[in-house]
Amino acid sequence: MAEAQKRLSHTTLKRRQRFHPKRDVRPAVLAKANRLVIRVAAFIGLSFLTIAILQAVLG
């Protein structure tokens, strides 16, 4: 396992993470998509809790 880490030098890891404007999605677009996913997940969670509470109170 130590040999595999030696093969991947610091420069190759750095090169792999660099943003490429023509190939990659822009970081701002990713941040906006992440916010949307969090909002949708929160909405679904709150809806589930609301339905569960309503069923407990009414039923």
Protein backbone atom coordinates (compact mmCIF):
# COMPACT_ATOMS: atom_id res chain seq x y z
CA MET A 1 0.00 0.00 0.00
CA ALA A 2 2.91 2.36 0.68
CA GLU A 3 4.19 1.70 -2.85
CA ALA A 4 0.90 2.83 -4.38
CA GLN A 5 1.10 6.10 -2.45
CA LYS A 6 4.67 6.64 -3.63
CA ARG A 7 3.62 6.24 -7.26
CA LEU A 8 1.02 9.02 -6.94
CA SER A 9 3.22 12.02 -6.41
CA HIS A 10 1.95 15.33 -5.06
CA THR A 11 2.05 16.92 -8.52
CA THR A 12 -0.23 14.33 -10.14
CA LEU A 13 -2.79 14.75 -7.39
CA LYS A 14 -2.63 18.51 -7.76
CA ARG A 15 -2.92 18.30 -11.55
CA ARG A 16 -5.98 16.03 -11.28
CA GLN A 17 -7.85 18.49 -9.04
CA ARG A 18 -7.22 21.58 -11.14
CA PHE A 19 -10.29 23.22 -12.76
CA HIS A 20 -10.44 22.89 -16.56
CA PRO A 21 -12.79 25.54 -18.03
CA LYS A 22 -13.78 23.62 -21.17
CA ARG A 23 -14.17 20.18 -19.56
CA ASP A 24 -15.44 20.81 -16.05
CA VAL A 25 -18.56 22.37 -14.66
CA ARG A 26 -17.90 25.80 -13.20
CA PRO A 27 -17.57 25.87 -9.40
CA ALA A 28 -20.38 28.45 -9.12
CA VAL A 29 -22.74 26.12 -10.98
CA LEU A 30 -21.77 23.26 -8.66
CA ALA A 31 -22.38 25.43 -5.60
CA LYS A 32 -25.80 26.44 -6.92
CA ALA A 33 -26.70 22.81 -7.63
CA ASN A 34 -25.55 21.79 -4.13
CA ARG A 35 -27.78 24.47 -2.58
CA LEU A 36 -30.72 23.25 -4.66
CA VAL A 37 -30.17 19.65 -3.57
CA ILE A 38 -30.01 20.71 0.09
CA ARG A 39 -33.22 22.74 -0.24
CA VAL A 40 -35.08 19.87 -1.92
CA ALA A 41 -33.87 17.40 0.72
CA ALA A 42 -34.95 19.77 3.51
CA PHE A 43 -38.36 20.24 1.88
CA ILE A 44 -38.87 16.48 1.58
CA GLY A 45 -37.79 15.94 5.19
CA LEU A 46 -40.08 18.67 6.51
CA SER A 47 -42.97 17.34 4.43
CA PHE A 48 -42.44 13.86 5.85
CA LEU A 49 -42.37 15.20 9.40
CA THR A 50 -45.49 17.29 8.81
CA ILE A 51 -47.42 14.30 7.45
CA ALA A 52 -46.22 12.09 10.32
CA ILE A 53 -47.27 14.68 12.92
CA LEU A 54 -50.66 15.23 11.25
CA GLN A 55 -51.33 11.50 11.16
CA ALA A 56 -50.38 11.17 14.83
CA VAL A 57 -52.64 14.07 15.84
CA LEU A 58 -55.62 13.24 13.63
CA GLY A 59 -55.42 9.47 13.56
